[in-house]
Protein backbone atom coordinates (compact mmCIF):
# COMPACT_ATOMS: atom_id res chain seq x y z
CA MET A 1 91.46 104.49 119.16
CA THR A 2 88.59 106.45 118.20
CA LYS A 3 86.87 104.67 115.35
CA ALA A 4 84.58 106.59 112.74
CA ARG A 5 80.92 105.19 112.52
CA ALA A 6 78.24 105.21 110.28
CA VAL A 7 75.69 108.33 111.11
CA PRO A 8 72.61 109.52 108.83
CA MET A 9 73.17 112.33 106.41
CA PRO A 10 72.69 115.97 107.78
CA SER A 11 69.55 117.12 107.50
CA ASP A 12 70.97 120.67 107.45
CA SER A 13 73.40 120.02 104.24
CA VAL A 14 73.09 122.33 101.41
CA LEU A 15 73.54 118.88 99.65
CA VAL A 16 69.94 117.98 100.82
CA PRO A 17 68.53 118.68 97.70
CA LEU A 18 70.69 116.27 96.17
CA TYR A 19 69.67 113.39 98.74
CA ALA A 20 66.34 112.35 96.37
CA GLY A 21 67.42 109.50 93.73
CA ALA A 22 71.07 109.21 95.00
CA ASP A 23 72.85 106.10 93.56
CA LEU A 24 75.00 106.58 96.87
CA LEU A 25 74.09 108.36 100.07
CA ASP A 26 76.33 107.82 103.06
CA ALA A 27 77.91 109.48 106.36
CA PHE A 28 80.41 108.59 108.83
CA ALA A 29 81.56 110.87 111.96
CA ILE A 30 84.64 110.34 114.28
CA GLN A 31 84.57 112.24 117.65
CA LEU A 32 87.82 114.95 117.42
CA PRO A 33 90.34 115.47 120.21
CA ALA A 34 89.90 118.33 122.54
CA GLU A 35 93.21 119.61 120.81
CA ALA A 36 91.88 120.04 117.28
CA SER A 37 91.35 122.67 115.49
CA ASP A 38 88.14 124.76 115.37
CA ASP A 39 88.87 125.66 111.50
CA LEU A 40 86.06 123.45 109.12
CA GLU A 41 89.04 123.55 106.27
CA VAL A 42 92.30 122.69 108.45
CA LEU A 43 90.16 119.70 109.28
CA ALA A 44 88.94 118.85 106.01
CA ARG A 45 92.82 119.06 105.01
CA THR A 46 93.86 116.95 107.60
CA ALA A 47 91.36 114.08 106.89
CA PHE A 48 91.45 114.16 103.09
CA GLU A 49 95.22 115.04 102.18
CA ARG A 50 98.33 112.88 102.60
CA GLN A 51 96.73 109.73 101.93
CA ALA A 52 98.32 106.74 103.38
CA GLY A 53 99.78 104.49 100.91
CA TRP A 54 97.56 101.90 100.17
CA ILE A 55 94.88 104.66 99.39
CA ARG A 56 97.43 106.00 96.93
CA ALA A 57 97.66 102.89 95.58
CA LEU A 58 93.88 102.13 94.81
CA THR A 59 93.46 105.92 93.43
CA TYR A 60 96.43 105.26 91.09
CA VAL A 61 94.75 101.12 90.15
CA ARG A 62 91.69 103.74 89.56
CA ASP A 63 93.02 105.99 87.16
CA VAL A 64 94.99 103.58 85.26
CA VAL A 65 91.43 101.49 84.69
CA MET A 66 88.99 104.46 84.36
CA ALA A 67 91.46 106.02 81.69
CA THR A 68 90.40 103.43 79.40
CA VAL A 69 86.83 104.88 79.39
CA GLY A 70 87.30 108.24 79.14
CA VAL A 71 87.24 108.81 82.86
CA LYS A 72 88.93 111.96 84.41
CA SER A 73 92.15 111.03 86.57
CA SER A 74 92.27 112.18 90.35
CA ARG A 75 95.12 114.18 89.24
CA ALA A 76 93.16 115.86 86.17
CA VAL A 77 90.48 116.34 88.48
CA GLY A 78 92.69 118.09 90.59
CA LEU A 79 94.37 120.43 88.23
CA ALA A 80 91.27 121.20 86.83
CA GLY A 81 89.95 122.39 90.24
CA ALA A 82 93.11 124.13 91.11
CA ALA A 83 92.77 126.28 87.79
CA ARG A 84 89.22 127.60 89.48
CA GLY A 85 90.07 127.75 92.97
CA PRO A 86 91.17 125.85 96.12
CA VAL A 87 91.36 122.39 96.34
CA ILE A 88 91.02 119.84 99.39
CA GLY A 89 93.09 116.46 98.39
CA TYR A 90 92.65 116.39 94.43
CA LEU A 91 88.97 117.37 94.95
CA PRO A 92 87.61 121.28 93.99
CA MET A 93 86.41 123.09 96.59
CA LEU A 94 82.71 124.21 95.69
CA SER A 95 81.46 125.79 98.80
CA GLN A 96 82.29 126.71 101.93
CA SER A 97 80.76 128.54 104.97
CA ALA A 98 81.10 128.66 108.79
CA THR A 99 79.27 125.04 108.96
CA GLU A 100 80.09 123.13 105.81
CA LEU A 101 82.62 122.79 103.36
CA VAL A 102 81.81 120.67 100.01
CA VAL A 103 83.79 119.43 97.64
CA GLY A 104 83.03 117.59 94.52
CA ALA A 105 83.11 116.99 91.05
CA ASP A 106 81.22 116.09 87.86
CA ASP A 107 82.30 113.42 85.22
CA ARG A 108 80.46 111.57 82.21
CA HIS A 109 79.81 108.99 84.49
CA LEU A 110 78.67 110.48 87.63
CA ASP A 111 79.02 113.19 89.90
CA PHE A 112 79.65 113.36 93.54
CA ARG A 113 79.45 116.03 96.29
CA VAL A 114 81.43 115.50 99.85
CA THR A 115 80.33 117.51 102.75
CA ILE A 116 82.27 118.14 105.56
CA GLN A 117 80.78 119.41 108.77
CA LEU A 118 82.08 120.16 112.00
CA LEU A 119 79.69 119.07 114.60
CA ALA A 120 79.52 120.12 118.58
CA ASP A 121 77.09 118.49 121.53
CA ALA A 122 75.61 119.98 124.25
CA GLU A 123 78.98 119.09 126.47
CA ASN A 124 80.71 120.54 123.75
CA ARG A 125 82.10 117.23 122.28
CA ARG A 126 82.98 117.96 118.86
CA GLU A 127 82.78 115.05 115.55
CA LEU A 128 84.10 115.82 112.32
CA LEU A 129 81.69 114.26 109.61
CA ALA A 130 82.27 113.43 105.97
CA GLY A 131 78.66 112.65 103.69
CA THR A 132 79.11 111.80 100.39
CA VAL A 133 76.22 111.93 97.58
CA VAL A 134 76.64 110.38 94.12
CA HIS A 135 74.33 110.38 90.84
CA CYS A 136 75.39 108.23 88.27
CA HIS A 137 74.24 109.26 84.82
CA ASN A 138 74.69 106.20 82.80
CA ARG A 139 75.42 102.26 82.93
CA LEU A 140 79.47 102.85 83.49
CA GLY A 141 78.57 105.31 86.24
CA ARG A 142 76.67 102.47 87.94
CA VAL A 143 79.13 99.74 87.57
CA TYR A 144 81.79 102.18 88.76
CA LEU A 145 80.18 103.09 91.64
CA ALA A 146 79.08 99.28 92.52
CA THR A 147 82.70 98.13 92.33
CA ILE A 148 84.54 101.19 94.30
CA ALA A 149 81.52 101.52 97.04
CA PRO A 150 83.23 99.45 99.28
CA PHE A 151 86.30 100.79 98.84
CA HIS A 152 84.83 104.17 99.11
CA ARG A 153 83.30 103.25 102.63
CA VAL A 154 86.78 102.03 104.08
CA ILE A 155 88.96 104.95 102.77
CA VAL A 156 86.36 107.36 104.22
CA ARG A 157 86.68 105.62 107.63
CA ALA A 158 90.51 105.32 107.36
CA ASN A 159 91.07 109.13 106.41
CA LEU A 160 88.54 110.14 109.30
CA GLU A 161 90.60 107.70 111.93
CA ARG A 162 94.46 108.51 110.79
CA ALA A 163 93.28 112.39 110.59
CA VAL A 164 92.31 112.10 114.31
CA ARG A 165 95.60 110.12 115.38
CA GLU A 166 97.18 112.60 113.50
CA MET A 167 95.77 115.71 115.64
CA ARG A 168 96.87 114.16 118.66
CA THR A 169 100.18 114.07 117.49
CA CYS A 170 100.65 117.08 115.46
CA VAL A 171 100.89 120.87 116.72
CA CYS A 172 100.01 121.22 112.90
CA VAL A 173 96.35 121.37 113.09
CA GLY A 174 95.94 124.81 114.22
CA ASP A 175 94.95 126.40 117.51
CA ARG A 176 91.38 125.62 119.31
CA THR A 177 89.38 128.67 119.27
CA GLY A 178 86.54 127.51 120.80
């Protein structure tokens, strides 16, 4: 089984200016199967939509707990984002280029961005990278981030690994156009 691994944040991301002073900065990558799409949006949707049940359950708990302090639920973030444009899972798509897709949201406790990139090496092996940048606004944001950071890292890796398993067994990831 292909495992996601921690990697350095990409130096060519549009998010580089946000790296300085970030409260959370991490990136994970996973090697893609040959049959995986070259379409970055298709890859992002495969990785971050159709969450595993345990991830949906954790998100529900997060939403219930954070509602008590006035933080937007994942559903509210998604609905607000969808009113303005495309969303990946519940995260509004903020920008997309040929090499990078950025999703994220701002709230009263923190702002976060996720860069999703398709990387290729000299032998045309491809990797999907997901990097996260978080800036906390206040004590609530720092406490929240300290609480969820370990879960975040497990969830990102699990999403990437599930996506690769799906790409190996599903025709739905699109044709490889390389």
